[in-house]
Amino acid sequence: MPRRTATMLASTLIFIALLCAGVFIKVPYSEMSPGPTVNTLGAAGGEPVLQISGRKTYPTTGHLNMTTVRVTGADYNMNIVEAVYGWLAHDNVVVPHDTLYPDGKTEEQSTQENAEEFSQSQESAKVAALKELKIPVKARVVVSTVIKDTPSENRLHAGDVIRAVDGTPVKEPADVAKLVTKHKPGENVVFTIVPAKDAAAAEKAGKEPENTAKVTITTVKSDQGDRAIVGIQAGTDHTFPFGIDINLADVGGPSAGLMFALGIVDKLTPADLTGGKFVAGTGTIDDKGEVGPIGGIEMKLVGARNAGAEYFLTPNENCAAATSDIPDGLTLVKVKTIADAKQSLERIRSGDTAGLPSCASS
């Protein structure tokens, strides 16, 4: 066999061997890529994303798209070839597996956590939107979670409204912990509550709940120190003056909060917020209307531009990462609060885009 032919054959065999090794050798990395975007003013799965009942709504045009990131599953192990392709691909990002699934978190656990965050983001979006429109929202302190194998198990239940602790009225979730930790482990705490079923029935009837009960619970010592605990997490539940339903399946995490809130504001406002423009965005939102940072901003920009977005509402704290690689034709608009976002939308609608707050100035 001629030397040149033998060399080519050997090189080919080595290449095939390396390629096979690359396919079969797994590496501890995961991939993030642009996910679908959804217009919060439109429909998904045949139903409006935002449904408001019991209050006058107004026609909307244009887009207020929430954006998502697609990630590989917790149980999926990338091979070397996939990892290298992901690193070279412009629209994808390869990250250490533990970045997406820390502490050995399973895909099931991650999905559950994302679902809880998504549900909370919807609640906060409703509160922030109505507060921005100066529509009163009633708040009450509730039992958010009862921890298994603690004194509160089977004594208190998720959804119970906490009126008082040891006779002292509570106004914020933090008040509950403050009053419980005044005790020493082994001492009794008296909760004045409205049972969850009574609270739900009263809300459905549009009345204030009247039935209360007193529940005495003996405190125990926390695993993190000597402070007294009863084994619950307190949270805030809101009562809205009319119905607001958010219908969107197969989405998780808190990052759609801002866009949900703006969609609600748009539907309840006579003026068309977007003026028919295609606006996308992302960001968490709290009950006060403050916008927080999210993950995967680069992927969301690509997904938004691919969908046709012209403007992207960007949380202030994500601006530095977002400006590193802005898709052509997409204008980044910096936002810190829902009020910022609303003002920017008004500028976009009027065509006064020169005054838009820019991520480039961060």
Protein backbone atom coordinates (compact mmCIF):
# COMPACT_ATOMS: atom_id res chain seq x y z
CA MET A 1 0.00 0.00 0.00
CA PRO A 2 1.48 3.39 -0.96
CA ARG A 3 2.56 5.50 2.01
CA ARG A 4 0.17 8.36 1.13
CA THR A 5 -2.80 6.00 0.97
CA ALA A 6 -1.82 4.38 4.25
CA THR A 7 -1.50 7.80 5.93
CA MET A 8 -4.93 8.88 4.70
CA LEU A 9 -6.48 5.62 5.85
CA ALA A 10 -4.88 5.92 9.28
CA SER A 11 -6.05 9.54 9.60
CA THR A 12 -9.58 8.56 8.60
CA LEU A 13 -9.65 5.74 11.15
CA ILE A 14 -8.34 8.06 13.87
CA PHE A 15 -10.99 10.67 12.97
CA ILE A 16 -13.74 8.04 13.11
CA ALA A 17 -12.41 6.81 16.46
CA LEU A 18 -12.37 10.35 17.87
CA LEU A 19 -15.87 11.00 16.53
CA CYS A 20 -17.17 7.82 18.15
CA ALA A 21 -15.46 8.74 21.40
CA GLY A 22 -17.05 12.18 21.21
CA VAL A 23 -20.50 10.66 20.79
CA PHE A 24 -20.19 8.17 23.63
CA ILE A 25 -18.22 10.20 26.19
CA LYS A 26 -20.59 12.25 28.34
CA VAL A 27 -19.71 15.62 29.86
CA PRO A 28 -21.32 17.47 32.81
CA TYR A 29 -22.84 20.29 30.76
CA SER A 30 -26.31 21.45 29.78
CA GLU A 31 -27.52 23.62 26.92
CA MET A 32 -29.69 26.72 26.87
CA SER A 33 -31.37 27.92 23.68
CA PRO A 34 -34.08 30.43 22.72
CA GLY A 35 -37.55 29.23 23.69
CA PRO A 36 -40.95 30.26 22.37
CA THR A 37 -42.43 33.70 23.00
CA VAL A 38 -46.08 34.32 23.83
CA ASN A 39 -48.10 37.51 23.33
CA THR A 40 -49.78 38.25 26.68
CA LEU A 41 -52.38 40.26 24.76
CA GLY A 42 -53.20 37.31 22.55
CA ALA A 43 -54.19 33.66 22.89
CA ALA A 44 -52.40 30.42 23.67
CA GLY A 45 -53.90 26.96 23.29
CA GLY A 46 -57.12 28.47 21.95
CA GLU A 47 -57.75 30.64 25.03
CA PRO A 48 -56.85 34.26 25.80
CA VAL A 49 -53.69 34.40 27.90
CA LEU A 50 -55.30 37.07 30.09
CA GLN A 51 -58.99 36.84 30.94
CA ILE A 52 -60.59 39.62 33.00
CA SER A 53 -64.17 39.35 34.26
CA GLY A 54 -66.31 41.76 36.28
CA ARG A 55 -64.51 44.85 35.03
CA LYS A 56 -64.62 46.82 31.79
CA THR A 57 -61.75 46.02 29.43
CA TYR A 58 -60.52 47.77 26.28
CA PRO A 59 -59.30 46.57 22.87
CA THR A 60 -55.54 46.09 22.49
CA THR A 61 -53.25 45.90 19.48
CA GLY A 62 -49.64 44.96 18.93
CA HIS A 63 -47.60 42.62 21.09
CA LEU A 64 -46.40 42.42 24.69
CA ASN A 65 -44.53 39.15 24.43
CA MET A 66 -43.11 37.22 27.34
CA THR A 67 -39.97 35.26 26.44
CA THR A 68 -38.62 31.89 27.50
CA VAL A 69 -35.46 29.79 27.46
CA ARG A 70 -35.37 26.14 26.47
CA VAL A 71 -32.96 23.95 28.52
CA THR A 72 -31.88 20.33 28.37
CA GLY A 73 -33.34 18.09 31.07
CA ALA A 74 -31.67 17.23 34.35
CA ASP A 75 -31.27 13.59 33.34
CA TYR A 76 -29.89 14.34 29.89
CA ASN A 77 -26.13 14.00 29.56
CA MET A 78 -24.51 15.87 26.68
CA ASN A 79 -21.71 14.20 24.75
CA ILE A 80 -18.54 15.96 23.66
CA VAL A 81 -19.76 16.54 20.10
CA GLU A 82 -22.98 18.20 21.32
CA ALA A 83 -21.06 20.35 23.81
CA VAL A 84 -18.59 21.56 21.16
CA TYR A 85 -21.43 22.28 18.70
CA GLY A 86 -23.26 24.22 21.43
CA TRP A 87 -20.16 26.28 22.23
CA LEU A 88 -19.70 27.14 18.56
CA ALA A 89 -23.40 27.85 17.84
CA HIS A 90 -24.20 31.56 18.06
CA ASP A 91 -27.72 31.20 19.44
CA ASN A 92 -27.02 28.54 22.09
CA VAL A 93 -25.16 28.59 25.39
CA VAL A 94 -23.50 25.61 27.06
CA VAL A 95 -23.23 25.88 30.84
CA PRO A 96 -22.14 23.51 33.65
CA HIS A 97 -24.99 21.13 34.52
CA ASP A 98 -24.92 22.31 38.16
CA THR A 99 -25.76 25.85 37.04
CA LEU A 100 -29.26 24.72 36.03
CA TYR A 101 -29.68 21.85 38.47
CA PRO A 102 -27.71 22.65 41.66
CA ASP A 103 -27.25 20.18 44.52
CA GLY A 104 -28.27 17.22 42.38
CA LYS A 105 -31.78 18.59 41.87
CA THR A 106 -33.91 16.28 39.74
CA GLU A 107 -35.94 17.42 36.74
CA GLU A 108 -39.13 16.73 38.73
CA GLN A 109 -37.96 18.93 41.60
CA SER A 110 -36.90 21.68 39.20
CA THR A 111 -40.26 21.53 37.39
CA GLN A 112 -42.15 21.79 40.69
CA GLU A 113 -40.04 24.72 41.85
CA ASN A 114 -40.52 26.50 38.52
CA ALA A 115 -44.29 25.93 38.69
CA GLU A 116 -44.43 27.48 42.17
CA GLU A 117 -42.38 30.48 41.04
CA PHE A 118 -44.60 30.88 37.97
CA SER A 119 -47.72 30.85 40.13
CA GLN A 120 -46.25 33.45 42.50
CA SER A 121 -45.19 35.63 39.57
CA GLN A 122 -48.78 35.66 38.31
CA GLU A 123 -50.05 36.76 41.73
CA SER A 124 -47.45 39.54 41.96
CA ALA A 125 -48.19 40.64 38.38
CA LYS A 126 -51.87 41.11 39.23
CA VAL A 127 -51.06 43.06 42.40
CA ALA A 128 -48.47 45.27 40.66
CA ALA A 129 -50.79 46.00 37.73
CA LEU A 130 -53.75 46.99 39.89
CA LYS A 131 -51.60 49.13 42.18
CA GLU A 132 -50.18 50.90 39.12
CA LEU A 133 -53.78 51.67 38.09
CA LYS A 134 -54.64 52.79 41.64
CA ILE A 135 -57.17 49.97 42.04
CA PRO A 136 -57.31 48.81 45.70
CA VAL A 137 -56.17 45.26 46.44
CA LYS A 138 -56.82 43.61 49.79
CA ALA A 139 -53.97 41.63 51.35
CA ARG A 140 -53.97 39.13 54.18
CA VAL A 141 -51.35 36.98 55.90
CA VAL A 142 -51.79 33.25 55.30
CA VAL A 143 -50.09 29.96 56.01
CA SER A 144 -48.12 29.44 52.82
CA THR A 145 -46.43 26.12 53.68
CA VAL A 146 -46.65 23.62 56.52
CA ILE A 147 -43.39 21.73 56.97
CA LYS A 148 -43.65 17.97 57.37
CA ASP A 149 -42.90 16.43 60.80
CA THR A 150 -43.20 19.71 62.70
CA PRO A 151 -45.69 20.74 65.42
CA SER A 152 -47.92 22.54 62.88
CA GLU A 153 -48.52 19.46 60.74
CA ASN A 154 -52.26 18.64 60.75
CA ARG A 155 -52.88 21.64 63.04
CA LEU A 156 -52.45 24.46 60.55
CA HIS A 157 -53.03 24.16 56.81
CA ALA A 158 -51.91 26.00 53.68
CA GLY A 159 -54.39 28.77 53.00
CA ASP A 160 -55.38 29.37 56.64
CA VAL A 161 -55.63 33.11 57.23
CA ILE A 162 -53.54 34.22 60.23
CA ARG A 163 -55.34 37.02 62.04
CA ALA A 164 -53.20 37.15 65.20
CA VAL A 165 -50.41 35.42 67.12
CA ASP A 166 -50.82 35.40 70.91
CA GLY A 167 -53.56 37.99 70.47
CA THR A 168 -51.34 40.42 68.57
CA PRO A 169 -52.72 41.21 65.09
CA VAL A 170 -50.38 40.47 62.18
CA LYS A 171 -50.13 42.65 59.08
CA GLU A 172 -47.09 41.19 57.33
CA PRO A 173 -45.71 37.63 57.02
CA ALA A 174 -42.59 38.74 58.91
CA ASP A 175 -44.79 39.58 61.93
CA VAL A 176 -45.56 35.89 62.40
CA ALA A 177 -41.93 34.81 62.73
CA LYS A 178 -41.18 37.78 64.97
CA LEU A 179 -43.94 36.84 67.40
CA VAL A 180 -43.17 33.11 67.39
CA THR A 181 -39.46 33.64 68.07
CA LYS A 182 -40.27 35.67 71.18
CA HIS A 183 -40.93 32.27 72.75
CA LYS A 184 -38.46 29.67 73.94
CA PRO A 185 -38.61 26.16 72.47
CA GLY A 186 -41.24 24.15 74.33
CA GLU A 187 -43.54 27.10 74.99
CA ASN A 188 -47.03 27.42 73.51
CA VAL A 189 -48.07 29.86 70.77
CA VAL A 190 -51.72 30.69 70.13
CA PHE A 191 -52.72 31.35 66.51
CA THR A 192 -56.01 33.05 65.70
CA ILE A 193 -56.92 31.85 62.21
CA VAL A 194 -59.68 31.71 59.65
CA PRO A 195 -59.61 28.13 58.31
CA ALA A 196 -58.72 27.91 54.62
CA LYS A 197 -62.10 26.47 53.58
CA ASP A 198 -64.01 29.25 55.38
CA ALA A 199 -61.75 31.92 53.85
CA ALA A 200 -62.28 30.47 50.35
CA ALA A 201 -66.08 30.27 50.81
CA ALA A 202 -66.24 33.88 52.04
CA GLU A 203 -64.12 35.11 49.14
CA LYS A 204 -66.34 33.31 46.64
CA ALA A 205 -69.40 34.97 48.20
CA GLY A 206 -67.68 38.36 48.14
CA LYS A 207 -67.78 38.68 51.94
CA GLU A 208 -65.30 39.05 54.74
CA PRO A 209 -64.69 35.74 56.57
CA GLU A 210 -66.27 35.69 60.02
CA ASN A 211 -65.46 32.27 61.51
CA THR A 212 -62.22 32.22 63.46
CA ALA A 213 -60.51 29.52 65.48
CA LYS A 214 -57.71 29.50 68.04
CA VAL A 215 -55.01 26.87 67.58
CA THR A 216 -52.37 26.31 70.28
CA ILE A 217 -49.05 24.92 69.06
CA THR A 218 -45.99 23.99 71.13
CA THR A 219 -42.78 25.37 69.69
CA VAL A 220 -39.63 23.34 69.05
CA LYS A 221 -35.99 24.30 68.53
CA SER A 222 -34.89 25.17 65.02
CA ASP A 223 -32.27 23.00 63.32
CA GLN A 224 -30.34 26.18 62.57
CA GLY A 225 -30.06 27.38 66.15
CA ASP A 226 -31.86 27.81 69.46
CA ARG A 227 -34.75 29.90 68.20
CA ALA A 228 -38.32 28.63 68.56
CA ILE A 229 -40.30 27.55 65.50
CA VAL A 230 -43.67 25.93 64.81
CA GLY A 231 -42.95 24.67 61.28
CA ILE A 232 -44.80 27.01 58.93
CA GLN A 233 -43.92 29.62 56.36
CA ALA A 234 -46.21 32.63 56.28
CA GLY A 235 -47.05 34.41 53.05
CA THR A 236 -49.40 37.00 51.59
CA ASP A 237 -52.65 36.23 49.82
CA HIS A 238 -54.54 38.89 47.89
CA THR A 239 -58.23 39.42 47.25
CA PHE A 240 -58.92 41.09 43.92
CA PRO A 241 -62.00 43.24 43.24
CA PHE A 242 -62.67 41.36 39.98
CA GLY A 243 -61.54 38.21 38.21
CA ILE A 244 -58.11 38.00 36.56
CA ASP A 245 -57.07 34.65 35.12
CA ILE A 246 -53.76 33.88 33.43
CA ASN A 247 -53.97 30.86 31.14
CA LEU A 248 -50.61 29.55 30.02
CA ALA A 249 -49.39 25.97 30.25
CA ASP A 250 -45.90 24.42 30.07
CA VAL A 251 -44.13 27.53 31.32
CA GLY A 252 -42.28 27.91 34.60
CA GLY A 253 -40.20 30.34 36.60
CA PRO A 254 -40.81 33.94 37.66
CA SER A 255 -39.49 35.85 34.64
CA ALA A 256 -42.83 36.53 32.92
CA GLY A 257 -44.10 38.71 35.78
CA LEU A 258 -43.40 42.08 34.14
CA MET A 259 -45.06 41.18 30.83
CA PHE A 260 -48.14 39.73 32.54
CA ALA A 261 -48.48 42.91 34.58
CA LEU A 262 -48.22 45.13 31.49
CA GLY A 263 -50.75 42.98 29.65
CA ILE A 264 -53.23 43.44 32.50
CA VAL A 265 -52.62 47.21 32.55
CA ASP A 266 -53.14 47.40 28.78
CA LYS A 267 -56.45 45.54 28.91
CA LEU A 268 -57.73 47.80 31.71
CA THR A 269 -56.54 51.05 30.11
CA PRO A 270 -58.48 52.97 27.42
CA ALA A 271 -55.26 54.02 25.66
CA ASP A 272 -53.53 51.32 23.62
CA LEU A 273 -50.15 50.90 25.34
CA THR A 274 -48.15 49.60 22.37
CA GLY A 275 -49.75 51.55 19.53
CA GLY A 276 -49.60 48.34 17.48
CA LYS A 277 -45.84 47.91 17.93
CA PHE A 278 -44.16 44.55 18.65
CA VAL A 279 -42.65 44.74 22.13
CA ALA A 280 -41.16 41.81 24.01
CA GLY A 281 -39.50 41.67 27.39
CA THR A 282 -38.72 39.83 30.57
CA GLY A 283 -38.26 40.42 34.29
CA THR A 284 -39.58 39.35 37.64
CA ILE A 285 -41.96 41.67 39.42
CA ASP A 286 -42.89 42.07 43.06
CA ASP A 287 -46.04 43.39 44.71
CA LYS A 288 -44.58 46.91 44.69
CA GLY A 289 -44.02 46.83 40.94
CA GLU A 290 -40.22 46.59 41.10
CA VAL A 291 -38.61 44.64 38.24
CA GLY A 292 -35.89 42.10 39.02
CA PRO A 293 -33.25 40.28 36.93
CA ILE A 294 -33.66 36.92 35.24
CA GLY A 295 -31.45 34.22 33.71
CA GLY A 296 -30.76 33.50 30.05
CA ILE A 297 -31.16 37.07 28.84
CA GLU A 298 -29.07 36.46 25.69
CA MET A 299 -31.34 33.58 24.65
CA LYS A 300 -34.46 35.64 25.26
CA LEU A 301 -33.20 38.47 23.06
CA VAL A 302 -32.63 36.05 20.19
CA GLY A 303 -36.04 34.42 20.67
CA ALA A 304 -37.75 37.82 20.76
CA ARG A 305 -36.05 39.07 17.60
CA ASN A 306 -36.76 35.82 15.77
CA ALA A 307 -40.45 36.30 16.64
CA GLY A 308 -40.41 39.82 15.16
CA ALA A 309 -39.91 42.06 18.21
CA GLU A 310 -38.63 45.60 17.64
CA TYR A 311 -38.23 46.59 21.29
CA PHE A 312 -37.17 44.56 24.34
CA LEU A 313 -37.96 45.62 27.90
CA THR A 314 -34.81 44.67 29.83
CA PRO A 315 -34.40 44.57 33.63
CA ASN A 316 -31.79 47.11 34.69
CA GLU A 317 -29.59 44.44 36.29
CA ASN A 318 -29.53 42.42 33.05
CA CYS A 319 -28.43 45.33 30.87
CA ALA A 320 -24.68 44.61 31.01
CA ALA A 321 -25.12 41.02 29.80
CA ALA A 322 -27.78 41.99 27.27
CA THR A 323 -25.64 44.64 25.53
CA SER A 324 -22.79 42.20 24.88
CA ASP A 325 -24.55 40.81 21.80
CA ILE A 326 -27.73 42.61 20.71
CA PRO A 327 -29.57 41.04 17.74
CA ASP A 328 -29.80 43.37 14.75
CA GLY A 329 -32.99 45.43 14.67
CA LEU A 330 -33.78 45.04 18.38
CA THR A 331 -33.80 48.09 20.69
CA LEU A 332 -33.15 47.38 24.37
CA VAL A 333 -35.18 49.49 26.81
CA LYS A 334 -34.02 49.58 30.42
CA VAL A 335 -36.70 49.17 33.11
CA LYS A 336 -36.59 49.21 36.90
CA THR A 337 -40.31 49.35 37.72
CA ILE A 338 -43.66 48.75 36.05
CA ALA A 339 -44.07 52.55 35.96
CA ASP A 340 -40.81 52.80 33.95
CA ALA A 341 -42.06 50.18 31.52
CA LYS A 342 -45.43 51.89 31.13
CA GLN A 343 -43.80 55.26 30.40
CA SER A 344 -41.49 53.66 27.83
CA LEU A 345 -44.44 52.00 26.11
CA GLU A 346 -46.14 55.39 25.90
CA ARG A 347 -43.01 56.79 24.20
CA ILE A 348 -42.92 53.86 21.78
CA ARG A 349 -46.60 54.37 20.98
CA SER A 350 -46.11 58.08 20.30
CA GLY A 351 -42.93 57.56 18.26
CA ASP A 352 -40.79 59.53 20.73
CA THR A 353 -38.18 56.77 20.93
CA ALA A 354 -35.19 59.13 21.25
CA GLY A 355 -35.97 59.54 24.94
CA LEU A 356 -36.19 55.83 25.74
CA PRO A 357 -33.98 54.74 28.67
CA SER A 358 -31.24 52.67 27.07
CA CYS A 359 -29.23 49.74 28.41
CA ALA A 360 -26.23 51.26 26.68
CA SER A 361 -26.22 54.05 29.27
CA SER A 362 -26.17 51.64 32.26
